[in-house]
Protein backbone atom coordinates (compact mmCIF):
# COMPACT_ATOMS: atom_id res chain seq x y z
CA MET A 1 25.96 39.97 -12.98
CA ARG A 2 22.13 41.77 -12.66
CA HIS A 3 21.27 38.72 -15.29
CA VAL A 4 23.10 36.25 -13.01
CA LYS A 5 21.29 36.95 -9.78
CA LYS A 6 17.65 36.46 -11.67
CA ALA A 7 19.09 33.36 -12.82
CA LEU A 8 19.85 31.94 -9.52
CA LEU A 9 16.87 33.20 -7.92
CA LEU A 10 14.63 31.30 -10.85
CA ALA A 11 16.54 28.49 -10.08
CA LEU A 12 16.19 28.72 -6.59
CA ALA A 13 12.74 29.51 -6.97
CA LEU A 14 12.00 26.13 -9.37
CA LEU A 15 14.08 23.90 -6.71
CA VAL A 16 11.57 25.31 -3.76
CA CYS A 17 8.56 24.54 -6.08
CA ALA A 18 9.82 21.18 -6.74
CA GLY A 19 9.87 20.67 -3.24
CA CYS A 20 6.16 21.53 -3.01
CA ALA A 21 5.19 19.51 -6.23
CA PRO A 22 2.99 16.67 -5.02
CA ASP A 23 4.75 12.78 -4.17
CA GLY A 24 3.63 11.11 -7.14
CA PRO A 25 -0.32 10.56 -8.28
CA ASP A 26 -2.95 10.88 -5.86
CA LEU A 27 -5.06 8.18 -5.48
CA ASP A 28 -7.44 6.80 -3.40
CA PRO A 29 -6.15 3.42 -1.86
CA ALA A 30 -9.80 1.96 -2.04
CA GLU A 31 -9.91 2.37 -5.92
CA LEU A 32 -6.27 0.13 -5.76
CA VAL A 33 -7.68 -2.56 -3.32
CA ARG A 34 -10.64 -3.15 -4.98
CA ALA A 35 -8.99 -2.93 -8.72
CA MET A 36 -6.37 -5.78 -7.18
CA MET A 37 -9.06 -8.15 -5.88
CA ALA A 38 -10.92 -8.03 -9.01
CA ALA A 39 -7.57 -9.11 -10.81
CA ASP A 40 -7.79 -12.27 -8.88
CA THR A 41 -10.96 -13.96 -9.50
CA THR A 42 -10.32 -16.97 -6.64
CA LEU A 43 -10.66 -14.72 -3.57
CA PRO A 44 -13.57 -15.47 -1.40
CA GLU A 45 -15.84 -13.08 0.21
CA MET A 46 -13.57 -10.40 1.27
CA THR A 47 -14.22 -7.95 4.86
CA GLU A 48 -13.38 -4.37 4.24
CA ARG A 49 -11.52 -1.43 6.26
CA SER A 50 -10.35 1.38 5.79
CA GLY A 51 -8.75 5.01 6.65
CA GLY A 52 -11.50 7.90 7.81
CA GLU A 53 -13.28 8.54 10.64
CA GLY A 54 -12.11 5.68 13.16
CA GLY A 55 -9.09 4.05 11.07
CA ALA A 56 -6.66 3.98 13.75
CA ASP A 57 -8.62 1.40 15.23
CA GLY A 58 -8.30 -1.22 12.15
CA PHE A 59 -4.97 -0.35 11.18
CA THR A 60 -3.34 -1.65 14.85
CA TYR A 61 -4.62 -5.27 13.12
CA LEU A 62 -2.66 -4.23 9.98
CA SER A 63 0.93 -2.11 11.40
CA GLY A 64 2.15 -1.36 14.23
CA LEU A 65 2.90 1.74 12.52
CA ASP A 66 2.44 4.86 13.91
CA TYR A 67 -1.46 5.63 12.24
CA GLY A 68 0.30 9.51 12.51
CA ARG A 69 2.36 8.39 9.69
CA VAL A 70 -0.63 7.35 7.58
CA GLU A 71 -2.60 9.77 5.35
CA ASP A 72 -5.51 6.91 4.05
CA TYR A 73 -5.58 3.14 3.66
CA PHE A 74 -7.58 -0.01 2.68
CA TYR A 75 -7.42 -3.20 4.16
CA ALA A 76 -9.92 -6.25 2.69
CA CYS A 77 -9.42 -10.20 4.55
CA ALA A 78 -11.17 -12.87 4.23
CA SER A 79 -14.16 -13.18 5.43
CA ALA A 80 -14.41 -16.96 6.54
CA GLY A 81 -10.64 -16.44 8.63
CA THR A 82 -8.43 -17.81 5.36
CA ALA A 83 -4.71 -15.84 4.73
CA GLU A 84 -6.04 -13.95 1.60
CA GLU A 85 -5.86 -10.31 2.41
CA MET A 86 -4.73 -6.89 0.07
CA ALA A 87 -3.68 -3.59 2.04
CA VAL A 88 -3.01 -0.50 0.17
CA VAL A 89 -1.64 2.46 2.55
CA LYS A 90 -1.14 5.96 1.17
CA LEU A 91 1.72 7.42 3.18
CA LYS A 92 2.07 11.06 3.89
CA ASP A 93 5.69 10.93 3.40
CA ARG A 94 7.34 8.24 1.31
CA ALA A 95 9.74 8.46 3.74
CA ASP A 96 8.48 5.83 5.68
CA ALA A 97 7.78 3.47 3.45
CA ALA A 98 10.54 1.37 5.00
CA ALA A 99 9.26 1.29 8.22
CA LEU A 100 5.49 0.37 7.01
CA MET A 101 7.48 -2.13 5.22
CA ASP A 102 9.18 -3.98 7.98
CA SER A 103 5.89 -4.10 9.97
CA LEU A 104 4.05 -5.24 7.03
CA ALA A 105 6.76 -8.06 7.21
CA ASP A 106 5.76 -8.40 11.12
CA HIS A 107 2.49 -8.83 10.48
CA LEU A 108 2.59 -11.35 7.63
CA GLU A 109 4.73 -13.38 10.40
CA ALA A 110 2.38 -13.47 13.01
CA ARG A 111 -0.66 -14.11 10.45
CA ARG A 112 2.03 -17.15 9.10
CA ASP A 113 2.51 -18.47 12.94
CA ALA A 114 -1.21 -18.11 13.52
CA PHE A 115 -2.02 -20.22 10.77
CA ALA A 116 0.67 -22.70 11.43
CA GLN A 117 -0.96 -23.49 15.02
CA TYR A 118 -4.58 -23.94 13.30
CA ASP A 119 -4.91 -24.30 9.50
CA PRO A 120 -1.39 -25.24 8.00
CA GLU A 121 -2.54 -24.89 4.73
CA GLN A 122 -3.16 -21.45 4.33
CA VAL A 123 0.77 -21.16 5.37
CA PRO A 124 1.52 -21.12 1.94
CA LEU A 125 -0.45 -18.16 0.81
CA THR A 126 1.51 -16.12 3.82
CA GLU A 127 4.89 -17.16 2.83
CA SER A 128 4.31 -16.00 -1.22
CA ALA A 129 3.16 -12.90 -0.07
CA VAL A 130 4.02 -9.83 -2.02
CA LEU A 131 5.23 -6.39 -0.07
CA THR A 132 5.78 -3.64 -2.54
CA ARG A 133 5.42 -0.29 -3.29
CA GLU A 134 4.78 3.02 -5.68
CA GLY A 135 6.43 6.07 -4.06
CA ARG A 136 4.26 6.39 -0.65
CA TYR A 137 1.99 3.77 -2.03
CA VAL A 138 2.54 0.57 -0.21
CA ALA A 139 0.36 -2.46 -0.68
CA LEU A 140 0.23 -5.95 0.46
CA ILE A 141 -0.69 -9.13 -1.18
CA VAL A 142 -1.68 -12.36 0.10
CA SER A 143 -3.99 -14.59 -2.52
CA GLN A 144 -3.63 -16.99 -4.95
CA LYS A 145 -3.09 -15.24 -7.96
CA ASN A 146 -0.53 -12.56 -5.61
CA GLY A 147 1.36 -11.29 -9.50
CA LEU A 148 -1.82 -9.90 -11.15
CA ALA A 149 -3.08 -8.37 -8.11
CA GLN A 150 0.81 -6.42 -7.99
CA GLN A 151 0.63 -6.02 -11.89
CA GLU A 152 -2.82 -4.27 -11.07
CA PHE A 153 -1.47 -2.11 -8.32
CA GLN A 154 1.44 -1.36 -10.77
CA LYS A 155 -0.70 0.08 -13.59
CA PHE A 156 -1.94 2.66 -11.53
CA PHE A 157 1.72 4.41 -11.44
CA GLN A 158 2.58 3.84 -14.91
CA GLU A 159 2.63 7.11 -16.74
CA ASP A 160 2.27 5.11 -20.39
CA SER A 161 -1.26 2.81 -19.59
CA PRO A 162 -3.94 4.56 -17.19
CA PRO A 163 -5.68 1.75 -15.86
CA ASP A 164 -9.12 0.85 -16.88
């Protein structure tokens, strides 16, 4: 009976510790976005914004999600006002990923509508945008080579092959 109690206590301790384990790799959103941008050599000059001091103000342009749910983010958009943009948001809790993706879809729809009015040639880029996630990381990709950028994002989460 004592052995059963010890085994149950050990199993409970392991279960509690498993809940404390980090939610996947701890990555820097800036590193991810810069690697994604390097994968698409067609990108124009990009303006960058990030989390940290004053990060909440820049984040509101990208998403309506409560910034208190965000651990960090990095966002780059075309300096000349064209449709290209890339972002990675690192959430505090992976359970917020669906809400963030909905908010980013709203952002894309607003961008699509704006381009339809003043620069219709940019609309196809917004229509082929990619929203993807890995754990608590969500990426937004609007570029000519969004598939390559998405592959670069995913490389960071593959255990077999770390990014170059």
